[in-house]
């Protein structure tokens, strides 16, 4: 999993997070306690009815599909395949985002497992 994780809030406007999409293709959306409430991805900008002034809450996918930190790479891969998603916020027991796993992370980990 990648840490630290870039996160946004539902109240933010797309214009406020545009720069982050140059670094990553998707971001967990969190509340004030860092609990994951959704995910916003680059392609969500297409649905922005007010352009870059649109609030994240209006375009994010919610509820977020997350994975608890005690799960394995295989669990992450299976969930990503089943749900057809490219990233998974990793959460602790309080549903707070502590990291993120991307498709590339999973593939690298599986490749490393095959080398043994």
C-alpha atoms as a PDB file:
ATOM      1  CA  UNK A   1       0.000   0.000   0.000  1.00  0.00           C
ATOM      2  CA  UNK A   2       1.085   3.540  -0.650  1.00  0.00           C
ATOM      3  CA  UNK A   3       1.414   6.033   2.169  1.00  0.00           C
ATOM      4  CA  UNK A   4       1.000   8.850   2.850  1.00  0.00           C
ATOM      5  CA  UNK A   5      -2.222   9.070   0.909  1.00  0.00           C
ATOM      6  CA  UNK A   6      -3.572  12.178  -0.767  1.00  0.00           C
ATOM      7  CA  UNK A   7      -7.144  12.751   0.404  1.00  0.00           C
ATOM      8  CA  UNK A   8      -9.918  15.249  -0.293  1.00  0.00           C
ATOM      9  CA  UNK A   9     -13.155  16.224   1.403  1.00  0.00           C
ATOM     10  CA  UNK A  10     -16.655  16.208  -0.047  1.00  0.00           C
ATOM     11  CA  UNK A  11     -16.983  19.966   0.495  1.00  0.00           C
ATOM     12  CA  UNK A  12     -14.000  20.822  -1.695  1.00  0.00           C
ATOM     13  CA  UNK A  13     -14.522  22.005  -5.260  1.00  0.00           C
ATOM     14  CA  UNK A  14     -12.900  20.164  -8.146  1.00  0.00           C
ATOM     15  CA  UNK A  15     -10.766  23.229  -8.860  1.00  0.00           C
ATOM     16  CA  UNK A  16      -9.135  22.774  -5.432  1.00  0.00           C
ATOM     17  CA  UNK A  17      -7.967  19.240  -6.213  1.00  0.00           C
ATOM     18  CA  UNK A  18      -7.135  19.450  -9.926  1.00  0.00           C
ATOM     19  CA  UNK A  19      -3.401  19.542  -9.186  1.00  0.00           C
ATOM     20  CA  UNK A  20      -3.601  16.256  -7.295  1.00  0.00           C
ATOM     21  CA  UNK A  21      -4.953  14.531 -10.395  1.00  0.00           C
ATOM     22  CA  UNK A  22      -1.600  15.203 -12.048  1.00  0.00           C
ATOM     23  CA  UNK A  23      -0.050  12.917  -9.423  1.00  0.00           C
ATOM     24  CA  UNK A  24      -2.751  10.250  -9.024  1.00  0.00           C
ATOM     25  CA  UNK A  25      -5.830   9.098 -10.900  1.00  0.00           C
ATOM     26  CA  UNK A  26      -8.119   8.741  -7.893  1.00  0.00           C
ATOM     27  CA  UNK A  27      -8.488  10.065  -4.374  1.00  0.00           C
ATOM     28  CA  UNK A  28     -10.278   8.875  -1.250  1.00  0.00           C
ATOM     29  CA  UNK A  29     -12.907  11.319  -0.007  1.00  0.00           C
ATOM     30  CA  UNK A  30     -12.868  11.614   3.783  1.00  0.00           C
ATOM     31  CA  UNK A  31     -14.886  13.301   6.490  1.00  0.00           C
ATOM     32  CA  UNK A  32     -13.402  15.424   9.294  1.00  0.00           C
ATOM     33  CA  UNK A  33     -12.333  12.266  11.173  1.00  0.00           C
ATOM     34  CA  UNK A  34     -10.534  10.878   8.062  1.00  0.00           C
ATOM     35  CA  UNK A  35     -13.215   8.196   7.616  1.00  0.00           C
ATOM     36  CA  UNK A  36     -13.583   7.164   3.999  1.00  0.00           C
ATOM     37  CA  UNK A  37     -16.957   8.276   2.599  1.00  0.00           C
ATOM     38  CA  UNK A  38     -16.250   8.014  -1.110  1.00  0.00           C
ATOM     39  CA  UNK A  39     -13.759   8.041  -3.959  1.00  0.00           C
ATOM     40  CA  UNK A  40     -13.294  10.601  -6.721  1.00  0.00           C
ATOM     41  CA  UNK A  41     -11.421   9.772  -9.936  1.00  0.00           C
ATOM     42  CA  UNK A  42     -10.243  11.834 -12.896  1.00  0.00           C
ATOM     43  CA  UNK A  43     -13.105  10.656 -15.067  1.00  0.00           C
ATOM     44  CA  UNK A  44     -15.660  11.954 -12.541  1.00  0.00           C
ATOM     45  CA  UNK A  45     -14.884  15.455 -13.810  1.00  0.00           C
ATOM     46  CA  UNK A  46     -17.025  14.665 -16.876  1.00  0.00           C
ATOM     47  CA  UNK A  47     -20.112  14.631 -14.635  1.00  0.00           C
ATOM     48  CA  UNK A  48     -19.316  18.039 -13.124  1.00  0.00           C
ATOM     49  CA  UNK A  49     -22.422  20.109 -13.808  1.00  0.00           C
ATOM     50  CA  UNK A  50     -20.774  23.347 -12.660  1.00  0.00           C
ATOM     51  CA  UNK A  51     -17.370  22.710 -14.175  1.00  0.00           C
ATOM     52  CA  UNK A  52     -14.426  23.054 -11.855  1.00  0.00           C
ATOM     53  CA  UNK A  53     -16.645  24.745  -9.219  1.00  0.00           C
ATOM     54  CA  UNK A  54     -18.579  21.489  -8.722  1.00  0.00           C
ATOM     55  CA  UNK A  55     -18.258  20.033  -5.242  1.00  0.00           C
ATOM     56  CA  UNK A  56     -16.564  16.661  -4.836  1.00  0.00           C
ATOM     57  CA  UNK A  57     -19.751  15.414  -3.132  1.00  0.00           C
ATOM     58  CA  UNK A  58     -21.650  15.867  -6.400  1.00  0.00           C
ATOM     59  CA  UNK A  59     -19.380  13.617  -8.475  1.00  0.00           C
ATOM     60  CA  UNK A  60     -17.758  11.140  -6.076  1.00  0.00           C
ATOM     61  CA  UNK A  61     -18.652   7.476  -5.892  1.00  0.00           C
ATOM     62  CA  UNK A  62     -20.166   6.694  -2.522  1.00  0.00           C
ATOM     63  CA  UNK A  63     -20.059   4.608  -0.487  1.00  0.00           C
ATOM     64  CA  UNK A  64     -16.421   3.841  -1.131  1.00  0.00           C
ATOM     65  CA  UNK A  65     -15.254   0.301  -1.636  1.00  0.00           C
ATOM     66  CA  UNK A  66     -12.481  -0.082   0.920  1.00  0.00           C
ATOM     67  CA  UNK A  67     -10.321  -2.845   2.330  1.00  0.00           C
ATOM     68  CA  UNK A  68      -9.335  -3.279   5.951  1.00  0.00           C
ATOM     69  CA  UNK A  69      -5.650  -3.191   6.786  1.00  0.00           C
ATOM     70  CA  UNK A  70      -5.622  -6.813   7.988  1.00  0.00           C
ATOM     71  CA  UNK A  71      -6.413  -8.205   4.518  1.00  0.00           C
ATOM     72  CA  UNK A  72      -3.905  -9.663   2.043  1.00  0.00           C
ATOM     73  CA  UNK A  73      -2.750  -8.715  -1.430  1.00  0.00           C
ATOM     74  CA  UNK A  74      -4.804 -11.607  -2.745  1.00  0.00           C
ATOM     75  CA  UNK A  75      -7.880 -10.187  -1.005  1.00  0.00           C
ATOM     76  CA  UNK A  76      -7.203  -6.813  -2.617  1.00  0.00           C
ATOM     77  CA  UNK A  77      -6.759  -8.347  -6.070  1.00  0.00           C
ATOM     78  CA  UNK A  78      -9.951 -10.384  -5.788  1.00  0.00           C
ATOM     79  CA  UNK A  79     -12.004  -7.400  -4.628  1.00  0.00           C
ATOM     80  CA  UNK A  80     -10.611  -5.145  -7.346  1.00  0.00           C
ATOM     81  CA  UNK A  81     -11.418  -7.728 -10.014  1.00  0.00           C
ATOM     82  CA  UNK A  82     -14.895  -8.433  -8.669  1.00  0.00           C
ATOM     83  CA  UNK A  83     -15.827  -4.751  -8.363  1.00  0.00           C
ATOM     84  CA  UNK A  84     -13.914  -3.679 -11.507  1.00  0.00           C
ATOM     85  CA  UNK A  85     -12.039  -0.915  -9.700  1.00  0.00           C
ATOM     86  CA  UNK A  86      -8.477   0.369  -9.998  1.00  0.00           C
ATOM     87  CA  UNK A  87      -7.747   1.474  -6.453  1.00  0.00           C
ATOM     88  CA  UNK A  88      -8.730   0.602  -2.899  1.00  0.00           C
ATOM     89  CA  UNK A  89      -8.465   2.902   0.084  1.00  0.00           C
ATOM     90  CA  UNK A  90      -7.060   0.910   3.005  1.00  0.00           C
ATOM     91  CA  UNK A  91      -8.791   1.630   6.290  1.00  0.00           C
ATOM     92  CA  UNK A  92      -8.217   0.859   9.949  1.00  0.00           C
ATOM     93  CA  UNK A  93     -10.839  -0.464  12.369  1.00  0.00           C
ATOM     94  CA  UNK A  94     -12.379   3.034  12.618  1.00  0.00           C
ATOM     95  CA  UNK A  95     -12.760   3.255   8.799  1.00  0.00           C
ATOM     96  CA  UNK A  96     -10.040   5.920   8.690  1.00  0.00           C
ATOM     97  CA  UNK A  97      -7.899   5.980   5.558  1.00  0.00           C
ATOM     98  CA  UNK A  98      -4.342   4.868   6.305  1.00  0.00           C
ATOM     99  CA  UNK A  99      -3.179   4.051   2.774  1.00  0.00           C
ATOM    100  CA  UNK A 100      -4.222   3.157  -0.733  1.00  0.00           C
ATOM    101  CA  UNK A 101      -3.596   0.164  -2.970  1.00  0.00           C
ATOM    102  CA  UNK A 102      -3.627   0.561  -6.721  1.00  0.00           C
ATOM    103  CA  UNK A 103      -3.764  -2.010  -9.474  1.00  0.00           C
ATOM    104  CA  UNK A 104      -0.030  -1.463 -10.033  1.00  0.00           C
ATOM    105  CA  UNK A 105       0.689  -2.083  -6.326  1.00  0.00           C
ATOM    106  CA  UNK A 106      -1.187  -5.391  -6.482  1.00  0.00           C
ATOM    107  CA  UNK A 107       0.573  -6.505  -9.667  1.00  0.00           C
ATOM    108  CA  UNK A 108       4.018  -5.668  -8.248  1.00  0.00           C
ATOM    109  CA  UNK A 109       3.258  -7.576  -5.037  1.00  0.00           C
ATOM    110  CA  UNK A 110       1.969 -10.603  -6.920  1.00  0.00           C
ATOM    111  CA  UNK A 111       5.018 -10.568  -9.176  1.00  0.00           C
ATOM    112  CA  UNK A 112       7.276 -10.490  -6.099  1.00  0.00           C
ATOM    113  CA  UNK A 113       5.376 -13.473  -4.644  1.00  0.00           C
ATOM    114  CA  UNK A 114       5.980 -15.450  -7.851  1.00  0.00           C
ATOM    115  CA  UNK A 115       9.737 -14.937  -7.618  1.00  0.00           C
ATOM    116  CA  UNK A 116       9.970 -17.097  -4.489  1.00  0.00           C
END
